[in-house]
Protein backbone atom coordinates (compact mmCIF):
# COMPACT_ATOMS: atom_id res chain seq x y z
CA MET A 1 87.02 83.10 130.26
CA GLN A 2 85.39 85.50 127.80
CA THR A 3 82.65 84.35 125.46
CA PHE A 4 82.18 85.52 121.86
CA ASP A 5 79.85 84.55 119.08
CA TYR A 6 82.65 84.57 116.50
CA MET A 7 86.41 84.17 116.55
CA ILE A 8 87.84 85.84 113.43
CA VAL A 9 91.42 85.02 112.49
CA GLY A 10 93.05 87.90 110.63
CA ALA A 11 92.36 91.65 110.51
CA GLY A 12 92.51 92.21 106.77
CA PHE A 13 89.69 93.03 104.37
CA ALA A 14 88.01 89.64 104.79
CA GLY A 15 88.14 89.51 108.58
CA LEU A 16 87.24 93.11 109.34
CA THR A 17 84.44 93.30 106.78
CA LEU A 18 82.74 90.35 108.42
CA ALA A 19 83.50 91.64 111.91
CA GLU A 20 81.91 95.00 111.15
CA ARG A 21 78.83 93.45 109.53
CA ILE A 22 78.28 90.88 112.26
CA CYS A 23 78.64 93.40 115.07
CA THR A 24 76.55 96.19 113.56
CA GLN A 25 73.91 94.20 111.70
CA LEU A 26 73.50 91.09 113.85
CA GLY A 27 74.43 92.53 117.24
CA LYS A 28 76.83 89.64 117.87
CA ARG A 29 80.19 89.75 119.64
CA CYS A 30 83.38 89.15 117.66
CA LEU A 31 86.98 88.61 118.65
CA VAL A 32 89.55 89.35 115.93
CA ALA A 33 92.99 87.83 116.46
CA GLU A 34 95.77 89.28 114.30
CA LYS A 35 99.35 88.00 114.48
CA ARG A 36 100.83 91.21 113.05
CA ASN A 37 101.10 94.46 114.99
CA HIS A 38 98.62 96.36 112.80
CA LEU A 39 95.23 96.19 111.13
CA GLY A 40 94.72 95.72 107.42
CA GLY A 41 96.76 92.69 106.45
CA ASN A 42 98.75 93.33 103.29
CA ALA A 43 96.71 96.46 102.54
CA TYR A 44 98.19 98.26 105.57
CA ASP A 45 99.71 101.66 104.78
CA TYR A 46 101.58 104.23 106.86
CA TYR A 47 103.52 107.51 106.69
CA ASP A 48 107.29 107.19 106.64
CA ARG A 49 109.70 109.59 108.37
CA GLN A 50 109.62 111.90 105.38
CA GLY A 51 105.82 112.06 105.52
CA VAL A 52 105.19 109.97 102.41
CA LEU A 53 102.22 107.61 102.57
CA LEU A 54 103.50 104.14 101.69
CA HIS A 55 101.88 100.77 101.06
CA ALA A 56 103.82 98.52 103.39
CA TYR A 57 103.38 95.28 101.46
CA GLY A 58 103.61 96.45 97.89
CA PRO A 59 101.25 98.68 95.92
CA HIS A 60 97.54 98.04 96.36
CA TYR A 61 95.60 99.48 93.43
CA PHE A 62 91.94 99.40 94.38
CA ARG A 63 89.43 98.91 91.59
CA THR A 64 86.07 97.25 91.18
CA ASN A 65 83.07 96.76 88.93
CA SER A 66 80.89 95.98 91.95
CA ASP A 67 78.53 98.71 93.08
CA GLU A 68 77.90 96.75 96.26
CA VAL A 69 81.59 96.71 97.21
CA ARG A 70 82.10 100.38 96.35
CA GLU A 71 79.04 101.46 98.31
CA TYR A 72 79.98 99.34 101.30
CA LEU A 73 83.53 100.69 101.57
CA SER A 74 82.35 104.24 100.91
CA GLN A 75 80.82 104.16 104.39
CA PHE A 76 84.36 104.24 105.76
CA THR A 77 86.25 106.42 103.31
CA GLU A 78 86.13 109.08 100.66
CA TRP A 79 87.97 108.30 97.46
CA HIS A 80 90.78 109.78 95.40
CA ALA A 81 90.13 108.86 91.76
CA VAL A 82 93.12 107.38 89.93
CA ASP A 83 93.86 106.16 86.43
CA TYR A 84 96.64 103.74 87.29
CA LYS A 85 99.48 104.24 84.83
CA ILE A 86 102.63 102.14 84.64
CA LEU A 87 105.60 101.93 82.31
CA SER A 88 108.11 99.27 81.38
CA TYR A 89 111.83 100.09 81.17
CA THR A 90 113.79 98.01 78.71
CA ARG A 91 116.23 98.56 75.84
CA GLY A 92 117.31 101.77 77.59
CA ARG A 93 113.93 103.52 77.43
CA PHE A 94 110.45 103.73 78.94
CA TRP A 95 107.60 101.98 77.15
CA SER A 96 103.86 102.42 77.55
CA PHE A 97 102.44 99.37 79.33
CA PRO A 98 100.32 97.29 79.21
CA VAL A 99 100.65 96.78 75.48
CA ASN A 100 98.47 99.28 73.62
CA LEU A 101 98.60 101.45 70.51
CA LYS A 102 101.13 103.79 72.14
CA THR A 103 103.44 100.81 72.76
CA PHE A 104 103.10 99.79 69.12
CA GLU A 105 103.94 103.32 67.96
CA GLU A 106 107.00 103.34 70.23
CA TYR A 107 108.05 100.03 68.70
CA LEU A 108 107.60 101.33 65.14
CA GLY A 109 109.07 104.75 65.89
CA ARG A 110 106.19 106.50 64.17
CA ALA A 111 102.46 107.19 64.45
CA SER A 112 100.10 104.35 63.69
CA THR A 113 96.44 103.32 63.85
CA SER A 114 94.39 100.70 65.63
CA GLU A 115 93.76 99.01 62.29
CA GLU A 116 97.48 98.71 61.56
CA MET A 117 98.19 97.31 65.01
CA GLU A 118 95.37 94.77 64.71
CA SER A 119 96.73 93.64 61.33
CA TRP A 120 100.26 93.39 62.75
CA LEU A 121 99.08 91.32 65.71
CA LYS A 122 97.12 89.02 63.43
CA LEU A 123 100.31 88.23 61.53
CA GLU A 124 102.59 88.25 64.57
CA CYS A 125 100.63 86.22 67.10
CA VAL A 126 101.05 82.46 67.43
CA GLN A 127 97.79 80.56 67.05
CA TYR A 128 96.85 78.03 69.73
CA GLU A 129 93.55 76.22 69.84
CA SER A 130 93.52 76.61 73.63
CA PRO A 131 96.55 78.25 75.32
CA LYS A 132 97.61 75.97 78.17
CA ASN A 133 100.04 78.24 80.02
CA SER A 134 101.23 81.83 80.33
CA GLU A 135 103.76 81.57 77.52
CA GLU A 136 101.25 80.23 75.02
CA LEU A 137 98.65 82.76 76.11
CA MET A 138 100.90 85.79 75.64
CA LEU A 139 102.33 84.50 72.35
CA SER A 140 98.74 84.21 71.18
CA ARG A 141 97.87 87.73 72.35
CA VAL A 142 100.95 89.88 71.59
CA GLY A 143 103.30 87.67 69.55
CA PRO A 144 106.94 86.74 70.25
CA LYS A 145 108.46 90.24 69.91
CA PHE A 146 106.38 91.86 72.66
CA TYR A 147 106.36 88.64 74.67
CA HIS A 148 110.17 88.58 74.88
CA LEU A 149 110.34 92.34 75.38
CA PHE A 150 107.89 92.72 78.27
CA PHE A 151 106.73 89.40 79.69
CA GLU A 152 109.17 86.52 79.51
CA ARG A 153 111.99 87.68 81.81
CA TYR A 154 109.68 89.60 84.14
CA THR A 155 107.54 86.50 84.70
CA ARG A 156 110.60 84.30 85.17
CA LYS A 157 111.97 86.68 87.82
CA GLN A 158 108.65 87.04 89.60
CA TRP A 159 107.86 83.34 89.86
CA ARG A 160 111.29 81.68 89.51
CA ARG A 161 109.66 79.42 86.99
CA GLU A 162 109.39 79.40 83.24
CA PRO A 163 106.19 81.02 81.91
CA ARG A 164 105.39 77.75 80.16
CA ASP A 165 105.12 76.11 83.59
CA LEU A 166 102.62 78.66 84.95
CA ASP A 167 98.88 78.77 84.55
CA ALA A 168 97.63 81.04 81.75
CA SER A 169 95.88 83.24 84.35
CA VAL A 170 99.23 84.63 85.56
CA CYS A 171 99.77 86.79 82.49
CA GLY A 172 96.14 86.71 81.45
CA ARG A 173 95.28 89.30 84.09
CA ILE A 174 97.13 91.95 82.08
CA PRO A 175 95.06 93.64 79.35
CA VAL A 176 96.16 94.10 75.74
CA ARG A 177 94.57 96.96 73.78
CA THR A 178 94.77 98.27 70.24
CA ASN A 179 93.70 101.82 71.16
CA ARG A 180 95.55 104.49 73.19
CA ASP A 181 93.99 103.51 76.51
CA ASP A 182 97.14 103.05 78.59
CA ARG A 183 95.49 102.46 81.96
CA TYR A 184 96.83 99.44 83.79
CA LEU A 185 93.37 98.17 84.73
CA ASN A 186 89.95 97.81 83.11
CA GLU A 187 87.48 98.16 85.98
CA ARG A 188 84.92 100.98 85.95
CA PHE A 189 85.81 102.29 89.41
CA GLN A 190 89.49 102.96 90.05
CA ALA A 191 90.49 104.92 93.14
CA LEU A 192 92.48 104.94 96.36
CA PRO A 193 91.03 105.69 99.79
CA ALA A 194 91.55 109.42 100.31
CA LYS A 195 93.23 108.97 103.71
CA GLY A 196 94.78 105.59 103.05
CA TYR A 197 93.77 101.99 103.65
CA THR A 198 94.61 101.95 107.35
CA ALA A 199 92.03 104.69 107.91
CA ILE A 200 89.37 102.38 106.39
CA PHE A 201 90.18 99.58 108.79
CA GLU A 202 90.23 101.92 111.78
CA ALA A 203 86.81 103.24 110.73
CA MET A 204 85.47 99.69 110.47
CA VAL A 205 86.60 98.93 114.01
CA ARG A 206 85.02 102.14 115.31
CA ALA A 207 81.76 101.33 113.54
CA ALA A 208 81.65 97.86 115.10
CA GLY A 209 81.82 99.46 118.54
CA PRO A 210 82.13 97.61 121.86
CA ARG A 211 80.88 94.31 120.42
CA LEU A 212 84.22 93.95 118.63
CA GLU A 213 87.50 93.18 120.37
CA VAL A 214 90.71 93.20 118.34
CA ILE A 215 93.91 91.64 119.67
CA LEU A 216 97.12 92.34 117.73
CA ASN A 217 100.49 90.60 117.96
CA THR A 218 98.73 87.38 118.81
CA ASP A 219 98.48 84.00 117.11
CA TYR A 220 94.88 82.83 117.41
CA ARG A 221 96.04 79.46 118.69
CA ALA A 222 97.32 81.13 121.84
CA LEU A 223 93.74 82.17 122.60
CA MET A 224 91.96 78.89 121.98
CA HIS A 225 91.97 77.87 125.65
CA GLN A 226 91.22 81.37 126.92
CA VAL A 227 87.98 82.19 125.11
CA ARG A 228 84.77 80.47 124.08
CA PHE A 229 83.10 81.04 120.71
CA ASP A 230 80.47 79.41 118.53
CA HIS A 231 82.03 79.79 115.10
CA MET A 232 85.44 80.61 113.61
CA ILE A 233 86.09 82.66 110.49
CA TYR A 234 89.58 81.79 109.33
CA THR A 235 91.48 84.00 106.85
CA GLY A 236 94.99 82.61 107.42
CA PRO A 237 96.99 80.16 105.29
CA LEU A 238 94.94 77.11 104.39
CA ASP A 239 97.71 74.57 104.96
CA GLU A 240 98.70 76.04 108.33
CA TYR A 241 95.21 75.48 109.72
CA PHE A 242 95.78 71.75 109.21
CA GLY A 243 99.37 71.80 110.46
CA CYS A 244 100.67 71.40 106.89
CA ASP A 245 100.21 67.66 107.34
CA GLU A 246 99.51 67.13 103.62
CA GLY A 247 102.67 69.11 102.86
CA PRO A 248 103.28 72.88 102.71
CA LEU A 249 101.59 74.87 99.97
CA PRO A 250 104.08 76.83 97.85
CA TYR A 251 104.03 80.64 97.80
CA ARG A 252 106.13 83.42 96.41
CA SER A 253 107.27 86.12 98.78
CA LEU A 254 108.64 89.64 98.32
CA ARG A 255 111.38 91.83 99.71
CA PHE A 256 111.21 95.64 99.62
CA GLU A 257 114.03 98.15 99.44
CA TYR A 258 113.00 101.70 100.37
CA GLU A 259 114.82 104.85 99.32
CA SER A 260 113.65 108.20 100.67
CA LEU A 261 114.64 111.21 98.59
CA PRO A 262 114.36 114.79 99.89
CA ALA A 263 113.46 117.51 97.43
CA GLU A 264 117.07 118.66 96.94
CA LYS A 265 118.03 115.21 95.60
CA LEU A 266 115.31 115.24 92.96
CA ALA A 267 116.49 118.17 90.82
CA ASP A 268 118.48 115.95 88.45
CA ARG A 269 115.47 113.64 88.03
CA GLU A 270 113.00 116.28 86.86
CA SER A 271 113.71 115.70 83.19
CA ILE A 272 113.12 111.95 83.68
CA ALA A 273 110.10 112.19 85.98
CA GLY A 274 108.52 114.97 83.94
CA LYS A 275 107.53 117.01 86.99
CA ARG A 276 108.98 118.33 90.21
CA GLY A 277 108.98 116.31 93.40
CA PHE A 278 109.09 112.91 91.70
CA TRP A 279 111.84 110.40 90.88
CA GLN A 280 110.28 108.46 87.99
CA PRO A 281 107.63 109.27 85.36
CA ALA A 282 104.91 106.88 86.62
CA MET A 283 103.71 105.31 89.82
CA GLN A 284 105.15 101.96 88.73
CA VAL A 285 107.94 101.07 86.34
CA ASN A 286 108.50 97.41 85.45
CA TYR A 287 112.01 96.09 84.82
CA PRO A 288 111.83 92.95 82.64
CA ASN A 289 115.62 92.74 82.36
CA GLU A 290 118.61 91.43 84.31
CA GLU A 291 117.98 93.55 87.42
CA GLU A 292 117.14 91.52 90.50
CA PHE A 293 114.09 93.68 91.22
CA THR A 294 110.92 93.46 89.13
CA ARG A 295 109.57 96.97 89.59
CA ILE A 296 110.06 100.35 91.25
CA VAL A 297 106.98 101.93 92.79
CA GLU A 298 106.56 105.62 93.60
CA ILE A 299 103.08 105.50 95.06
CA LYS A 300 102.91 109.29 95.49
CA HIS A 301 101.92 109.45 91.80
CA ALA A 302 98.71 107.58 92.64
CA THR A 303 97.82 108.91 96.08
CA GLY A 304 97.93 112.53 94.93
CA GLN A 305 99.85 113.40 98.07
CA ILE A 306 101.52 116.81 98.01
CA CYS A 307 104.89 116.86 99.74
CA GLU A 308 108.34 118.00 98.69
CA GLY A 309 110.23 114.73 98.96
CA THR A 310 109.38 111.27 97.71
CA THR A 311 110.06 107.62 98.48
CA ILE A 312 110.65 104.89 95.93
CA VAL A 313 110.36 101.18 96.63
CA ARG A 314 112.25 98.50 94.72
CA GLU A 315 110.46 95.18 94.81
CA TYR A 316 112.42 91.93 94.82
CA PRO A 317 110.74 88.54 94.39
CA ALA A 318 111.81 86.06 97.04
CA ASP A 319 111.38 82.42 97.92
CA TYR A 320 108.84 81.77 100.64
CA LEU A 321 110.62 80.65 103.77
CA PRO A 322 109.62 80.44 107.46
CA GLY A 323 109.36 83.95 108.85
CA ARG A 324 108.56 85.56 105.49
CA ASP A 325 105.14 86.74 104.41
CA ALA A 326 103.18 84.67 101.90
CA TYR A 327 102.13 86.86 98.97
CA TYR A 328 101.25 84.82 95.92
CA PRO A 329 99.87 81.28 95.63
CA VAL A 330 101.94 79.49 93.01
CA PRO A 331 99.74 78.83 89.96
CA THR A 332 100.99 75.41 88.92
CA PRO A 333 98.94 72.20 88.53
CA GLU A 334 100.87 70.51 91.35
CA ALA A 335 100.17 73.35 93.79
CA GLN A 336 96.48 73.37 92.91
CA GLN A 337 96.21 69.61 93.39
CA LEU A 338 97.66 69.93 96.88
CA ALA A 339 95.42 72.90 97.66
CA GLU A 340 92.39 70.89 96.59
CA LYS A 341 93.21 68.26 99.20
CA TYR A 342 93.13 70.96 101.87
CA ARG A 343 89.96 72.52 100.43
CA ARG A 344 88.14 69.21 100.66
CA ARG A 345 89.13 68.96 104.32
CA ALA A 346 88.10 72.57 104.93
CA ALA A 347 84.65 71.85 103.49
CA ARG A 348 84.13 69.28 106.24
CA GLU A 349 84.86 71.81 109.03
CA SER A 350 81.28 72.80 109.85
CA ALA A 351 82.27 75.20 112.66
CA VAL A 352 84.84 77.06 110.56
CA THR A 353 84.45 79.37 107.56
CA PHE A 354 87.54 79.66 105.35
CA LEU A 355 87.62 83.06 103.66
CA GLY A 356 90.05 85.13 101.60
CA ARG A 357 93.14 84.65 99.49
CA LEU A 358 95.26 82.66 101.92
CA ALA A 359 92.42 80.54 103.27
CA ASN A 360 91.34 79.55 99.74
CA TYR A 361 94.82 79.50 98.18
CA ARG A 362 93.52 81.62 95.32
CA TYR A 363 94.60 85.00 93.97
CA PHE A 364 91.81 87.46 94.77
CA ASN A 365 91.84 91.23 94.31
CA MET A 366 90.79 93.39 97.25
CA ASP A 367 87.31 94.02 95.91
CA GLN A 368 86.81 90.30 95.35
CA VAL A 369 87.73 89.61 98.97
CA VAL A 370 85.22 92.22 100.19
CA ALA A 371 82.56 90.78 97.88
CA LEU A 372 83.20 87.28 99.25
CA ALA A 373 82.97 88.59 102.82
CA LEU A 374 79.66 90.36 102.10
CA ALA A 375 78.29 87.20 100.48
CA GLU A 376 79.37 85.16 103.50
CA PHE A 377 77.65 87.65 105.78
CA ARG A 378 74.39 87.15 103.91
CA LYS A 379 74.68 83.41 104.54
CA LEU A 380 75.30 83.97 108.24
CA LYS A 381 72.41 86.43 108.42
CA ASN A 382 70.02 83.90 106.91
CA CYS A 383 71.06 81.00 109.11
């Protein structure tokens, strides 16, 4: 029976950040158990048969305002700077998105100014003393015309719930601007790892050296009677740790449809994409209409990869069922009340640290997960 200082459940950003820090900085032994057949969790990427680098579990747009997170990850990768640009396709045309001055000009069909847009929004927006849900929030930020055009049906498709039944944070993550800044995100540092996310995780494992053992294709519970350890770091689903005995937490899942397109099939798309070797004019196009999919992603726009063909990915929201991956915690009051029951129980588990999106049942960006892992390491270091 092998002995480790730490058993770490999950080989995503949370688990591997802590594993690397514990092994290299504390000289402790870690065992990482990962039920999938690869490192990286949902940030895993790979090259398809056509040689296009794809994000396997939907697009992962790295960004951060944290110098600590950027400097930490920069030990394991160089960066390819990106201004993430997306569009929305509705009413038979592409629109600049998120809502900004360009969107307003497209709506008017003429040039405009920030001052005119601000005046229009002041008249258009619905006033709420304190928006209680996503519908009220977006009506208060962009008004009913843009809300119905870009947000209402997209949100309903994504969550299979009415926007009025979802927490305001769902749509509140999306910026609204009255200038021509059409970037999707606000953070100071926006980039993708130059060689992909998987290369980061592989570099972390190498840096940890022989003190780290990683076992893939294995549920951690199958190892519980085969190894000894002092402390567990758990990054899996919060409810599953407790056998779902309070009831299962609700999630939304996703289904992906891939279409690889060799160069010869892209000639008739050049006028739409605006350049050779691409299928659509932006890395992501939202479809807030009757289509079953919510967006089409052509990640080659963002990675800067040079290759003749391309691959597009249609993303379909799906109910979370056994055997499917859990992507998004459902932001409703009922779900949060149930999650809080599990969180209170987790707080009493002195030999277990619950870390990451699934283990906290909260929507964290990648940089937030890394920041949480680094903060947790400081606690362990000072114990």
